[in-house]
N, C-alpha and C. Protein backbone atom coordinates (compact mmCIF):
# COMPACT_ATOMS: atom_id res chain seq x y z
N UNK A 1 85.43 94.21 78.30
CA UNK A 1 85.89 94.92 79.56
C UNK A 1 87.35 95.10 79.45
N UNK A 2 87.65 96.40 79.09
CA UNK A 2 89.04 96.92 79.08
C UNK A 2 89.25 98.20 80.06
N UNK A 3 90.47 98.42 80.50
CA UNK A 3 90.75 99.40 81.44
C UNK A 3 90.69 100.84 80.66
N UNK A 4 90.49 101.82 81.58
CA UNK A 4 90.53 103.22 80.96
C UNK A 4 91.23 104.04 82.01
N UNK A 5 91.99 105.04 81.63
CA UNK A 5 92.76 105.91 82.69
C UNK A 5 91.94 106.61 83.66
N UNK A 6 92.33 106.69 84.82
CA UNK A 6 91.65 107.52 85.86
C UNK A 6 92.52 108.59 86.35
N UNK A 7 92.19 109.84 86.40
CA UNK A 7 92.86 111.04 86.86
C UNK A 7 92.17 111.77 87.98
N UNK A 8 92.95 112.11 88.98
CA UNK A 8 92.31 112.79 90.14
C UNK A 8 93.27 113.96 90.32
N UNK A 9 92.65 115.20 90.40
CA UNK A 9 93.60 116.37 90.44
C UNK A 9 93.06 117.39 91.61
N UNK A 10 93.86 117.51 92.61
CA UNK A 10 93.51 118.56 93.69
C UNK A 10 92.23 118.30 94.35
N UNK A 11 91.80 116.93 94.56
CA UNK A 11 90.60 116.46 95.16
C UNK A 11 90.56 116.78 96.68
N UNK A 12 89.59 117.60 97.15
CA UNK A 12 89.48 117.85 98.48
C UNK A 12 87.86 117.40 98.64
N UNK A 13 87.71 116.56 99.58
CA UNK A 13 86.29 115.94 99.85
C UNK A 13 86.07 115.39 101.18
N UNK A 14 84.85 115.23 101.55
CA UNK A 14 84.44 114.70 102.80
C UNK A 14 82.92 114.50 102.93
N UNK A 15 82.36 114.85 104.13
CA UNK A 15 81.02 114.55 104.48
C UNK A 15 80.37 115.95 105.11
N UNK A 16 79.39 116.40 104.40
CA UNK A 16 78.99 117.84 104.96
C UNK A 16 80.14 118.82 104.83
N UNK A 17 80.25 119.47 105.87
CA UNK A 17 81.37 120.60 105.90
C UNK A 17 82.66 120.04 106.19
N UNK A 18 82.79 118.79 106.69
CA UNK A 18 83.98 118.20 107.20
C UNK A 18 84.75 117.76 105.94
N UNK A 19 86.04 118.22 106.04
CA UNK A 19 86.95 117.78 104.90
C UNK A 19 87.91 116.67 105.49
N UNK A 20 87.85 115.46 104.74
CA UNK A 20 88.61 114.39 105.14
C UNK A 20 89.80 114.08 104.18
N UNK A 21 89.54 114.27 102.84
CA UNK A 21 90.68 114.22 101.82
C UNK A 21 91.00 115.54 101.41
N UNK A 22 92.40 115.85 101.36
CA UNK A 22 92.84 117.29 101.16
C UNK A 22 93.86 117.27 99.92
N UNK A 23 93.40 117.85 98.84
CA UNK A 23 94.28 118.24 97.85
C UNK A 23 95.09 116.91 97.37
N UNK A 24 94.27 115.90 97.09
CA UNK A 24 94.88 114.61 96.48
C UNK A 24 94.94 114.56 94.91
N UNK A 25 96.05 114.19 94.43
CA UNK A 25 96.22 114.07 93.01
C UNK A 25 97.00 112.93 92.70
N UNK A 26 96.54 112.18 91.65
CA UNK A 26 97.24 110.91 91.12
C UNK A 26 96.60 110.67 89.72
N UNK A 27 97.43 109.72 88.94
CA UNK A 27 96.78 109.27 87.84
C UNK A 27 97.12 107.71 87.73
N UNK A 28 96.21 106.99 87.16
CA UNK A 28 96.23 105.48 86.96
C UNK A 28 96.13 105.27 85.51
N UNK A 29 97.03 104.72 84.89
CA UNK A 29 96.85 104.55 83.37
C UNK A 29 95.91 103.37 83.14
N UNK A 30 95.49 103.33 81.89
CA UNK A 30 94.55 102.23 81.55
C UNK A 30 95.27 100.84 81.79
N UNK A 31 94.54 100.00 82.68
CA UNK A 31 95.06 98.74 82.98
C UNK A 31 96.14 98.83 84.30
N UNK A 32 96.32 100.01 84.78
CA UNK A 32 97.19 100.20 85.89
C UNK A 32 96.59 99.69 87.18
N UNK A 33 97.37 99.45 88.31
CA UNK A 33 96.96 98.92 89.52
C UNK A 33 97.56 99.81 90.61
N UNK A 34 96.64 100.74 91.26
CA UNK A 34 97.13 101.62 92.15
C UNK A 34 96.71 101.14 93.62
N UNK A 35 97.63 101.06 94.46
CA UNK A 35 97.43 100.66 95.80
C UNK A 35 97.49 101.94 96.66
N UNK A 36 96.30 102.06 97.58
CA UNK A 36 96.27 103.17 98.46
C UNK A 36 96.31 102.67 99.94
N UNK A 37 97.42 103.12 100.56
CA UNK A 37 97.64 102.56 101.92
C UNK A 37 97.60 103.71 102.91
N UNK A 38 97.57 103.28 104.25
CA UNK A 38 97.47 104.38 105.23
C UNK A 38 96.88 103.65 106.57
N UNK A 39 97.19 104.26 107.69
CA UNK A 39 96.49 103.70 109.01
C UNK A 39 94.85 103.92 108.80
N UNK A 40 94.10 103.40 109.67
CA UNK A 40 92.78 103.53 109.81
C UNK A 40 92.48 104.96 109.99
N UNK A 41 91.34 105.47 109.30
CA UNK A 41 91.02 106.91 109.64
C UNK A 41 91.74 108.03 108.81
N UNK A 42 92.43 107.55 107.78
CA UNK A 42 93.37 108.52 107.23
C UNK A 42 92.75 108.97 105.82
N UNK A 43 91.61 108.56 105.50
CA UNK A 43 90.83 108.96 104.31
C UNK A 43 90.78 108.15 103.09
N UNK A 44 91.18 106.81 103.24
CA UNK A 44 91.24 106.06 102.20
C UNK A 44 89.84 105.64 101.68
N UNK A 45 88.95 105.30 102.54
CA UNK A 45 87.66 104.89 102.14
C UNK A 45 86.88 106.12 101.60
N UNK A 46 87.12 107.40 102.20
CA UNK A 46 86.45 108.56 101.65
C UNK A 46 86.99 108.86 100.21
N UNK A 47 88.38 108.63 100.01
CA UNK A 47 88.88 108.87 98.67
C UNK A 47 88.10 108.03 97.70
N UNK A 48 87.90 106.68 97.89
CA UNK A 48 87.15 105.95 96.95
C UNK A 48 85.77 106.37 96.72
N UNK A 49 85.12 106.70 97.97
CA UNK A 49 83.58 107.21 97.95
C UNK A 49 83.54 108.43 97.11
N UNK A 50 84.48 109.45 97.19
CA UNK A 50 84.62 110.64 96.50
C UNK A 50 84.61 110.33 95.05
N UNK A 51 85.46 109.47 94.58
CA UNK A 51 85.55 109.04 93.14
C UNK A 51 84.27 108.49 92.66
N UNK A 52 83.59 107.77 93.49
CA UNK A 52 82.27 107.22 93.03
C UNK A 52 81.13 108.15 93.17
N UNK A 53 81.29 109.32 93.79
CA UNK A 53 80.23 110.36 93.95
C UNK A 53 79.47 110.13 95.18
N UNK A 54 79.93 109.40 96.21
CA UNK A 54 79.16 109.15 97.40
C UNK A 54 79.76 109.97 98.41
N UNK A 55 80.67 110.92 98.34
CA UNK A 55 81.05 111.84 99.35
C UNK A 55 80.97 113.31 98.80
N UNK A 56 80.97 114.21 99.49
CA UNK A 56 80.83 115.67 99.02
C UNK A 56 82.35 116.13 98.49
N UNK A 57 82.26 116.60 97.29
CA UNK A 57 83.54 117.23 96.71
C UNK A 57 83.54 118.63 97.02
N UNK A 58 84.58 119.14 97.58
CA UNK A 58 84.74 120.56 97.87
C UNK A 58 85.62 121.27 96.81
N UNK A 59 86.51 120.53 96.28
CA UNK A 59 87.32 121.10 95.09
C UNK A 59 88.12 120.04 94.41
N UNK A 60 88.53 120.13 93.20
CA UNK A 60 89.30 119.26 92.52
C UNK A 60 88.48 118.69 91.35
N UNK A 61 89.21 117.64 90.54
CA UNK A 61 88.67 117.14 89.37
C UNK A 61 88.80 115.67 89.38
N UNK A 62 87.88 114.93 88.88
CA UNK A 62 87.94 113.37 88.62
C UNK A 62 87.63 113.14 87.27
N UNK A 63 88.50 112.54 86.59
CA UNK A 63 88.34 112.30 85.15
C UNK A 63 88.56 110.90 84.83
N UNK A 64 87.59 110.35 83.98
CA UNK A 64 87.73 109.04 83.48
C UNK A 64 87.78 109.10 82.05
N UNK A 65 89.03 108.49 81.52
CA UNK A 65 89.34 108.59 80.09
C UNK A 65 89.11 109.98 79.59
N UNK A 66 89.60 111.02 80.38
CA UNK A 66 89.58 112.35 80.12
C UNK A 66 88.25 113.13 80.38
N UNK A 67 87.19 112.28 80.53
CA UNK A 67 85.92 112.99 80.84
C UNK A 67 85.70 113.38 82.26
N UNK A 68 85.36 114.57 82.53
CA UNK A 68 85.08 115.15 83.90
C UNK A 68 83.68 114.50 84.43
N UNK A 69 83.97 113.76 85.64
CA UNK A 69 82.91 113.15 86.36
C UNK A 69 82.24 114.00 87.30
N UNK A 70 82.80 115.17 87.68
CA UNK A 70 82.27 116.02 88.74
C UNK A 70 80.94 116.48 88.25
N UNK A 71 80.02 116.40 89.21
CA UNK A 71 78.61 116.76 89.05
C UNK A 71 77.73 115.63 88.54
N UNK A 72 78.21 114.43 88.26
CA UNK A 72 77.52 113.29 88.02
C UNK A 72 77.16 112.49 89.29
N UNK A 73 75.93 112.01 89.29
CA UNK A 73 75.55 111.11 90.42
C UNK A 73 76.34 109.73 90.27
N UNK A 74 76.38 109.07 91.31
CA UNK A 74 77.19 107.76 91.29
C UNK A 74 76.66 106.74 90.36
N UNK A 75 75.22 106.70 90.16
CA UNK A 75 74.72 105.90 89.06
C UNK A 75 75.11 106.21 87.74
N UNK A 76 75.34 107.51 87.32
CA UNK A 76 75.91 107.93 86.09
C UNK A 76 77.35 107.55 85.98
N UNK A 77 78.02 107.73 87.13
CA UNK A 77 79.48 107.33 87.05
C UNK A 77 79.67 105.71 86.69
N UNK A 78 78.81 105.02 87.33
CA UNK A 78 78.74 103.56 87.04
C UNK A 78 78.52 103.26 85.60
N UNK A 79 77.53 104.09 84.94
CA UNK A 79 77.42 103.87 83.57
C UNK A 79 78.58 104.35 82.79
N UNK A 80 79.35 105.20 83.18
CA UNK A 80 80.50 105.65 82.52
C UNK A 80 81.68 104.62 82.64
N UNK A 81 81.59 103.75 83.51
CA UNK A 81 82.56 102.71 83.64
C UNK A 81 83.25 102.44 85.13
N UNK A 82 82.69 103.14 86.01
CA UNK A 82 83.30 102.94 87.46
C UNK A 82 82.54 101.82 88.15
N UNK A 83 83.35 101.02 88.68
CA UNK A 83 82.80 99.93 89.46
C UNK A 83 83.26 100.05 90.93
N UNK A 84 82.56 99.84 91.93
CA UNK A 84 82.88 100.04 93.29
C UNK A 84 82.43 98.92 94.27
N UNK A 85 83.34 98.29 94.88
CA UNK A 85 83.11 97.28 95.81
C UNK A 85 83.42 97.84 97.27
N UNK A 86 82.41 98.25 97.99
CA UNK A 86 82.82 98.89 99.27
C UNK A 86 83.07 97.87 100.45
N UNK A 87 83.70 98.42 101.39
CA UNK A 87 84.11 97.64 102.53
C UNK A 87 82.93 96.89 103.25
N UNK A 88 81.77 97.51 103.13
CA UNK A 88 80.63 96.82 103.66
C UNK A 88 79.94 95.72 102.80
N UNK A 89 80.50 95.54 101.67
CA UNK A 89 80.14 94.51 100.69
C UNK A 89 78.73 94.73 100.00
N UNK A 90 77.65 95.14 100.77
CA UNK A 90 76.33 95.50 100.23
C UNK A 90 75.77 94.45 99.34
N UNK A 91 75.67 93.26 99.63
CA UNK A 91 74.95 92.22 99.02
C UNK A 91 73.55 92.22 99.39
N UNK A 92 72.58 91.62 98.61
CA UNK A 92 71.18 91.38 99.01
C UNK A 92 71.21 90.12 99.75
N UNK A 93 71.14 90.25 101.04
CA UNK A 93 71.30 89.05 101.89
C UNK A 93 70.13 88.09 101.89
N UNK A 94 69.01 88.49 101.57
CA UNK A 94 67.77 87.66 101.49
C UNK A 94 67.57 86.90 100.07
N UNK A 95 68.52 87.40 98.99
CA UNK A 95 68.40 86.69 97.75
C UNK A 95 69.44 85.66 97.67
N UNK A 96 69.37 84.71 96.67
CA UNK A 96 70.32 83.66 96.49
C UNK A 96 71.66 84.42 95.84
N UNK A 97 72.51 83.55 95.85
CA UNK A 97 73.88 84.00 95.06
C UNK A 97 73.49 84.39 93.64
N UNK A 98 72.84 83.47 92.92
CA UNK A 98 72.45 83.73 91.54
C UNK A 98 71.73 84.98 91.38
N UNK A 99 70.56 85.14 92.15
CA UNK A 99 69.87 86.37 92.01
C UNK A 99 70.64 87.48 92.32
N UNK A 100 71.51 87.50 93.22
CA UNK A 100 72.44 88.63 93.43
C UNK A 100 73.12 88.96 92.08
N UNK A 101 73.59 87.94 91.57
CA UNK A 101 74.44 88.10 90.31
C UNK A 101 73.59 88.64 89.15
N UNK A 102 72.42 88.17 89.11
CA UNK A 102 71.48 88.67 88.10
C UNK A 102 71.24 90.22 88.09
N UNK A 103 71.28 90.72 89.33
CA UNK A 103 71.09 92.17 89.48
C UNK A 103 72.32 92.89 88.84
N UNK A 104 73.43 92.30 88.94
CA UNK A 104 74.71 92.91 88.55
C UNK A 104 74.77 92.88 86.94
N UNK A 105 74.01 92.10 86.33
CA UNK A 105 74.05 91.99 84.76
C UNK A 105 73.51 93.28 84.08
N UNK A 106 72.73 94.00 84.89
CA UNK A 106 71.97 95.33 84.32
C UNK A 106 71.31 94.87 83.08
N UNK A 107 71.71 95.44 81.81
CA UNK A 107 71.09 95.01 80.48
C UNK A 107 71.63 93.85 79.91
N UNK A 108 72.58 93.25 80.41
CA UNK A 108 73.32 92.18 79.72
C UNK A 108 72.50 90.86 79.74
N UNK A 109 72.66 89.86 78.79
CA UNK A 109 71.94 88.69 78.67
C UNK A 109 72.20 87.86 79.85
N UNK A 110 71.22 86.90 80.34
CA UNK A 110 71.44 86.25 81.69
C UNK A 110 72.53 85.28 81.49
N UNK A 111 72.84 84.71 80.34
CA UNK A 111 73.93 83.87 80.10
C UNK A 111 75.28 84.42 80.50
N UNK A 112 75.39 85.74 80.63
CA UNK A 112 76.67 86.39 81.00
C UNK A 112 77.04 86.12 82.35
N UNK A 113 76.14 85.55 83.21
CA UNK A 113 76.50 85.29 84.58
C UNK A 113 77.49 84.12 84.77
N UNK A 114 77.76 83.46 83.76
CA UNK A 114 78.91 82.34 83.70
C UNK A 114 80.25 83.02 83.75
N UNK A 115 80.33 84.42 83.34
CA UNK A 115 81.55 85.01 83.58
C UNK A 115 81.99 85.03 85.07
N UNK A 116 80.84 85.28 85.95
CA UNK A 116 81.15 85.38 87.44
C UNK A 116 81.54 83.98 87.90
N UNK A 117 81.01 82.94 87.41
CA UNK A 117 81.32 81.64 87.85
C UNK A 117 82.74 81.16 87.37
N UNK A 118 83.16 81.68 86.14
CA UNK A 118 84.55 81.50 85.80
C UNK A 118 85.60 82.06 86.63
N UNK A 119 85.26 83.42 87.06
CA UNK A 119 86.18 83.97 88.02
C UNK A 119 86.19 83.51 89.38
N UNK A 120 85.02 83.12 89.86
CA UNK A 120 84.86 82.63 91.21
C UNK A 120 84.06 81.31 91.20
N UNK A 121 84.75 80.12 90.93
CA UNK A 121 84.04 78.83 90.92
C UNK A 121 83.27 78.53 92.14
N UNK A 122 83.71 78.97 93.22
CA UNK A 122 82.93 78.72 94.57
C UNK A 122 81.59 79.30 94.48
N UNK A 123 81.41 80.40 93.70
CA UNK A 123 80.09 80.97 93.71
C UNK A 123 79.10 80.09 92.91
N UNK A 124 79.66 79.23 91.95
CA UNK A 124 78.79 78.37 91.21
C UNK A 124 78.24 77.23 92.04
N UNK A 125 79.16 76.82 93.02
CA UNK A 125 78.82 75.74 93.86
C UNK A 125 77.84 76.14 94.85
N UNK A 126 77.73 77.53 95.21
CA UNK A 126 76.86 78.18 96.21
C UNK A 126 75.68 78.90 95.50
N UNK A 127 75.41 78.75 94.16
CA UNK A 127 74.59 79.55 93.48
C UNK A 127 73.16 79.39 94.03
N UNK A 128 72.76 78.42 94.55
CA UNK A 128 71.42 78.32 95.16
C UNK A 128 71.33 78.77 96.65
N UNK A 129 72.36 79.06 97.20
CA UNK A 129 72.41 79.40 98.63
C UNK A 129 71.91 80.86 98.85
N UNK A 130 71.30 81.17 100.04
CA UNK A 130 70.91 82.48 100.36
C UNK A 130 72.22 83.24 100.78
N UNK A 131 72.37 84.46 100.10
CA UNK A 131 73.54 85.12 100.22
C UNK A 131 74.00 85.45 101.80
N UNK A 132 73.07 85.74 102.46
CA UNK A 132 73.32 85.99 103.93
C UNK A 132 73.83 84.77 104.67
N UNK A 133 73.77 83.64 104.13
CA UNK A 133 74.32 82.38 104.75
C UNK A 133 75.79 82.20 104.36
N UNK A 134 76.26 82.96 103.41
CA UNK A 134 77.69 82.72 102.97
C UNK A 134 78.79 83.10 104.02
N UNK A 135 79.95 82.56 103.92
CA UNK A 135 80.89 83.07 104.83
C UNK A 135 81.47 84.46 104.25
N UNK A 136 82.20 85.15 105.18
CA UNK A 136 82.67 86.48 104.72
C UNK A 136 83.42 86.50 103.46
N UNK A 137 84.22 85.59 103.22
CA UNK A 137 85.06 85.41 102.02
C UNK A 137 84.19 85.29 100.77
N UNK A 138 83.12 84.38 100.98
CA UNK A 138 82.12 84.11 99.78
C UNK A 138 81.37 85.36 99.46
N UNK A 139 80.90 86.09 100.51
CA UNK A 139 80.24 87.33 100.33
C UNK A 139 81.06 88.35 99.69
N UNK A 140 82.34 88.42 99.82
CA UNK A 140 83.26 89.36 99.25
C UNK A 140 83.34 88.94 97.76
N UNK A 141 83.47 87.54 97.51
CA UNK A 141 83.45 87.28 96.09
C UNK A 141 82.29 87.66 95.31
N UNK A 142 81.15 87.48 96.17
CA UNK A 142 79.93 87.64 95.44
C UNK A 142 79.82 89.17 95.27
N UNK A 143 80.10 90.05 96.14
CA UNK A 143 80.04 91.50 95.86
C UNK A 143 80.97 91.89 94.71
N UNK A 144 82.10 91.34 94.60
CA UNK A 144 83.07 91.62 93.69
C UNK A 144 82.65 91.22 92.23
N UNK A 145 82.03 89.96 92.22
CA UNK A 145 81.70 89.35 90.93
C UNK A 145 80.47 90.24 90.42
N UNK A 146 79.61 90.50 91.42
CA UNK A 146 78.40 91.20 90.86
C UNK A 146 78.77 92.64 90.29
N UNK A 147 79.79 93.32 90.77
CA UNK A 147 80.33 94.53 90.28
C UNK A 147 80.88 94.26 88.94
N UNK A 148 81.67 93.29 88.87
CA UNK A 148 82.40 93.01 87.64
C UNK A 148 81.41 92.56 86.44
N UNK A 149 80.30 92.07 86.72
CA UNK A 149 79.43 91.76 85.57
C UNK A 149 78.71 93.06 84.89
N UNK A 150 78.82 94.17 85.73
CA UNK A 150 78.48 95.44 85.03
C UNK A 150 79.54 95.86 84.01
N UNK A 151 80.63 95.15 83.94
CA UNK A 151 81.82 95.49 82.99
C UNK A 151 82.34 96.91 83.24
N UNK A 152 82.71 97.02 84.42
CA UNK A 152 83.47 98.39 84.57
C UNK A 152 84.76 98.57 83.92
N UNK A 153 85.27 99.61 83.59
CA UNK A 153 86.65 99.73 83.08
C UNK A 153 87.55 100.22 84.11
N UNK A 154 87.12 100.69 85.26
CA UNK A 154 87.82 100.96 86.59
C UNK A 154 87.12 100.22 87.69
N UNK A 155 87.93 99.60 88.53
CA UNK A 155 87.39 98.87 89.69
C UNK A 155 87.91 99.53 90.93
N UNK A 156 87.12 100.06 91.78
CA UNK A 156 87.46 100.59 92.96
C UNK A 156 87.21 99.49 94.21
N UNK A 157 88.22 98.97 94.89
CA UNK A 157 88.06 97.87 95.98
C UNK A 157 88.48 98.46 97.23
N UNK A 158 87.57 98.46 98.29
CA UNK A 158 87.80 98.92 99.50
C UNK A 158 88.04 97.72 100.58
N UNK A 159 89.35 97.45 100.88
CA UNK A 159 89.74 96.38 101.84
C UNK A 159 88.90 95.12 101.48
N UNK A 160 89.11 94.56 100.40
CA UNK A 160 88.51 93.29 100.02
C UNK A 160 88.79 92.09 101.00
N UNK A 161 90.15 92.07 101.55
CA UNK A 161 90.55 91.09 102.25
C UNK A 161 90.30 91.08 103.74
N UNK A 162 89.58 92.09 104.26
CA UNK A 162 89.36 92.32 105.62
C UNK A 162 88.55 91.24 106.27
N UNK A 163 89.14 90.68 107.26
CA UNK A 163 88.63 89.56 108.13
C UNK A 163 88.47 88.24 107.41
N UNK A 164 89.15 88.00 106.36
CA UNK A 164 89.05 86.74 105.62
C UNK A 164 90.17 85.74 105.97
N UNK A 165 89.95 84.57 105.97
CA UNK A 165 90.91 83.59 106.23
C UNK A 165 92.04 83.57 105.11
N UNK A 166 93.24 83.29 105.49
CA UNK A 166 94.38 83.30 104.49
C UNK A 166 94.12 82.54 103.25
N UNK A 167 93.59 81.39 103.30
CA UNK A 167 93.34 80.65 102.13
C UNK A 167 92.27 81.38 101.12
N UNK A 168 91.28 82.11 101.75
CA UNK A 168 90.29 82.88 100.96
C UNK A 168 90.96 84.01 100.31
N UNK A 169 91.84 84.70 101.24
CA UNK A 169 92.54 85.84 100.65
C UNK A 169 93.44 85.44 99.47
N UNK A 170 94.10 84.38 99.52
CA UNK A 170 94.88 83.74 98.35
C UNK A 170 93.96 83.63 97.11
N UNK A 171 92.86 82.97 97.33
CA UNK A 171 91.87 82.72 96.24
C UNK A 171 91.32 83.91 95.63
N UNK A 172 91.03 85.07 96.50
CA UNK A 172 90.48 86.28 95.89
C UNK A 172 91.46 86.95 95.09
N UNK A 173 92.69 87.13 95.74
CA UNK A 173 93.80 87.78 95.16
C UNK A 173 94.29 87.22 93.84
N UNK A 174 94.23 85.79 93.72
CA UNK A 174 94.49 85.15 92.53
C UNK A 174 93.52 85.42 91.47
N UNK A 175 92.22 85.52 91.77
CA UNK A 175 91.21 85.94 90.78
C UNK A 175 91.37 87.37 90.33
N UNK A 176 91.71 88.29 91.27
CA UNK A 176 91.89 89.63 90.83
C UNK A 176 93.15 89.85 89.97
N UNK A 177 94.30 89.12 90.30
CA UNK A 177 95.39 89.21 89.43
C UNK A 177 95.08 88.69 88.05
N UNK A 178 94.39 87.53 87.94
CA UNK A 178 93.98 87.08 86.60
C UNK A 178 93.04 88.03 85.82
N UNK A 179 92.11 88.69 86.65
CA UNK A 179 91.24 89.59 86.01
C UNK A 179 91.98 90.70 85.44
N UNK A 180 92.85 91.18 86.18
CA UNK A 180 93.65 92.50 85.72
C UNK A 180 94.41 92.05 84.56
N UNK A 181 95.08 90.91 84.57
CA UNK A 181 95.86 90.54 83.46
C UNK A 181 95.10 90.22 82.14
N UNK A 182 94.13 89.56 82.34
CA UNK A 182 93.29 89.14 81.08
C UNK A 182 92.43 90.22 80.57
N UNK A 183 91.79 91.03 81.43
CA UNK A 183 90.90 92.02 80.96
C UNK A 183 91.47 93.45 80.78
N UNK A 184 92.56 93.68 81.41
CA UNK A 184 93.24 94.92 81.38
C UNK A 184 92.43 95.97 82.14
N UNK A 185 91.75 95.62 83.15
CA UNK A 185 90.85 96.49 83.82
C UNK A 185 91.78 97.29 84.77
N UNK A 186 91.39 98.53 84.91
CA UNK A 186 92.19 99.55 85.84
C UNK A 186 91.62 99.37 87.27
N UNK A 187 92.51 99.10 88.24
CA UNK A 187 92.21 98.90 89.49
C UNK A 187 92.79 99.92 90.55
N UNK A 188 91.92 100.27 91.62
CA UNK A 188 92.41 101.08 92.57
C UNK A 188 91.99 100.36 93.93
N UNK A 189 93.03 99.82 94.63
CA UNK A 189 92.94 98.99 95.74
C UNK A 189 93.25 99.49 97.20
N UNK A 190 92.30 99.72 98.06
CA UNK A 190 92.60 100.10 99.34
C UNK A 190 92.74 98.68 100.25
N UNK A 191 93.89 98.57 100.85
CA UNK A 191 94.13 97.29 101.63
C UNK A 191 94.96 97.44 102.84
N UNK A 192 94.60 96.86 103.85
CA UNK A 192 95.45 96.76 105.05
C UNK A 192 96.54 95.66 105.01
N UNK A 193 96.34 94.72 104.22
CA UNK A 193 97.27 93.55 104.15
C UNK A 193 98.34 93.98 103.19
N UNK A 194 99.45 94.74 103.66
CA UNK A 194 100.29 95.35 102.79
C UNK A 194 101.07 94.68 101.96
N UNK A 195 101.65 93.52 102.34
CA UNK A 195 102.43 92.66 101.46
C UNK A 195 101.65 92.12 100.25
N UNK A 196 100.45 91.66 100.58
CA UNK A 196 99.61 91.18 99.35
C UNK A 196 99.32 92.20 98.50
N UNK A 197 98.99 93.51 99.05
CA UNK A 197 98.78 94.62 98.15
C UNK A 197 99.91 95.03 97.21
N UNK A 198 100.95 95.10 97.88
CA UNK A 198 102.15 95.51 97.10
C UNK A 198 102.55 94.38 96.02
N UNK A 199 102.28 93.16 96.33
CA UNK A 199 102.41 92.06 95.27
C UNK A 199 101.64 92.35 94.13
N UNK A 200 100.37 92.94 94.33
CA UNK A 200 99.34 93.03 93.27
C UNK A 200 99.59 94.41 92.44
N UNK A 201 100.09 95.49 93.11
CA UNK A 201 100.05 96.73 92.49
C UNK A 201 101.28 97.07 91.69
N UNK A 202 101.24 98.16 90.93
CA UNK A 202 102.37 98.68 90.11
C UNK A 202 102.57 100.14 90.56
N UNK A 203 101.87 100.66 91.40
CA UNK A 203 102.04 101.99 91.93
C UNK A 203 101.35 102.04 93.29
N UNK A 204 102.01 102.93 94.05
CA UNK A 204 101.49 103.14 95.51
C UNK A 204 101.34 104.58 95.90
N UNK A 205 100.23 104.94 96.75
CA UNK A 205 100.23 106.15 97.42
C UNK A 205 99.88 106.01 98.93
N UNK A 206 100.48 106.64 99.77
CA UNK A 206 100.28 106.62 101.21
C UNK A 206 99.62 107.69 101.67
N UNK A 207 98.38 107.57 102.31
CA UNK A 207 97.76 108.82 102.92
C UNK A 207 97.94 108.90 104.26
N UNK A 208 98.15 110.11 104.86
CA UNK A 208 98.12 110.46 106.17
C UNK A 208 97.28 111.77 106.33
N UNK A 209 96.31 111.69 107.28
CA UNK A 209 95.31 112.74 107.41
C UNK A 209 94.77 113.26 106.18
N UNK A 210 94.43 112.41 105.26
CA UNK A 210 93.78 112.74 104.07
C UNK A 210 94.62 113.29 103.00
N UNK A 211 95.93 113.32 103.10
CA UNK A 211 96.88 113.90 102.22
C UNK A 211 97.92 112.81 101.82
N UNK A 212 98.30 112.98 100.56
CA UNK A 212 99.27 111.95 99.99
C UNK A 212 100.69 112.31 100.49
N UNK A 213 101.15 111.55 101.45
CA UNK A 213 102.59 111.70 101.96
C UNK A 213 103.86 110.96 101.36
N UNK A 214 103.34 109.98 100.56
CA UNK A 214 104.45 109.26 99.79
C UNK A 214 103.78 108.69 98.43
N UNK A 215 104.54 108.59 97.43
CA UNK A 215 104.07 107.95 96.22
C UNK A 215 105.20 107.34 95.61
N UNK A 216 105.04 106.16 94.95
CA UNK A 216 106.08 105.61 94.28
C UNK A 216 105.67 104.13 93.79
N UNK A 217 106.79 103.31 93.61
CA UNK A 217 106.50 101.96 93.19
C UNK A 217 106.50 101.03 94.44
N UNK A 218 105.85 99.84 94.29
CA UNK A 218 105.88 98.85 95.41
C UNK A 218 107.23 98.50 95.96
N UNK A 219 108.20 98.29 95.04
CA UNK A 219 109.60 98.02 95.38
C UNK A 219 110.23 99.06 96.13
N UNK A 220 109.95 100.32 95.83
CA UNK A 220 110.60 101.56 96.53
C UNK A 220 109.94 101.57 97.86
N UNK A 221 108.70 101.33 98.03
CA UNK A 221 108.16 101.49 99.39
C UNK A 221 108.63 100.22 100.30
N UNK A 222 108.66 99.14 99.69
CA UNK A 222 109.30 97.85 100.47
C UNK A 222 110.73 98.09 100.97
N UNK A 223 111.45 98.93 100.26
CA UNK A 223 112.71 99.30 100.63
C UNK A 223 112.86 100.53 101.60
N UNK A 224 111.80 101.21 101.81
CA UNK A 224 111.74 102.32 102.69
C UNK A 224 111.15 102.17 104.03
N UNK A 225 111.98 101.54 104.87
CA UNK A 225 111.51 101.22 106.18
C UNK A 225 111.05 102.31 107.08
N UNK A 226 111.69 103.60 106.81
CA UNK A 226 111.33 104.58 107.70
C UNK A 226 109.86 105.03 107.30
N UNK A 227 109.53 105.10 105.97
CA UNK A 227 108.15 105.51 105.56
C UNK A 227 107.24 104.56 106.07
N UNK A 228 107.44 103.29 105.95
CA UNK A 228 106.59 102.18 106.48
C UNK A 228 106.37 102.34 108.01
N UNK A 229 107.27 102.58 108.69
CA UNK A 229 107.14 102.60 110.11
C UNK A 229 106.38 103.90 110.50
N UNK A 230 106.67 105.03 109.79
CA UNK A 230 106.11 106.28 110.20
C UNK A 230 104.62 106.39 109.86
N UNK A 231 104.27 105.94 108.58
CA UNK A 231 102.86 106.21 108.12
C UNK A 231 102.14 104.83 108.18
N UNK A 232 102.55 103.80 108.29
CA UNK A 232 101.85 102.52 108.38
C UNK A 232 102.00 101.85 109.65
N UNK A 233 103.01 102.02 110.39
CA UNK A 233 103.19 101.41 111.68
C UNK A 233 103.37 99.90 111.79
N UNK A 234 103.86 99.33 110.57
CA UNK A 234 104.00 97.80 110.48
C UNK A 234 105.36 97.54 109.94
N UNK A 235 105.77 96.16 110.04
CA UNK A 235 106.94 95.84 109.43
C UNK A 235 106.60 94.76 108.39
N UNK A 236 107.22 94.90 107.18
CA UNK A 236 106.92 93.92 106.15
C UNK A 236 108.32 93.35 105.73
N UNK A 237 108.16 92.14 105.19
CA UNK A 237 109.44 91.24 104.96
C UNK A 237 109.45 91.09 103.43
């Protein structure tokens, strides 16, 4: 599992005739960590869904390692190396933790499931539990681990910390930092917990009504109080 570069150029996308993302362009180098910020309803989830092929593209290009993904179904994009962990988590609630993870292996040997347990030891403790009985944080770990077992080169994460207890947020982010460092995987992270996100990322874009209104480094955004107040409506320390 190694990262590959992701390039988005002039992407306009939405659902049906409705355009939610407008003329968005950015690049994430191999192994890079891009943070996507913005208030609720500003197009962050639609952006990730568009990259994964789950929203309608009206214009623009999406390239993975230089290859154009436009026209490919989401399953084909996954085969090319895109991994997507949606906000809804989408686990198989009636299956056990281990059965969920076996689904993520695809054509890999069953022994590879130990990679998931190495990333998230809590899942090994719960491996016989029915997935629907897990806490929200454990379900998020399961959804993330199942996606990672498919060995994506680019991981799209949509608000993985939403509704989780602080200790679980710490545990999950620690695992993601370790993964990014050891595997060199490319990550695009949408997150409302701004300080945690900025600590993780090396580049940031801020969306407002589906357009990029600011881009730069986490340090530059942290120092730009006017941008934070105008587009995010929060204070960070």
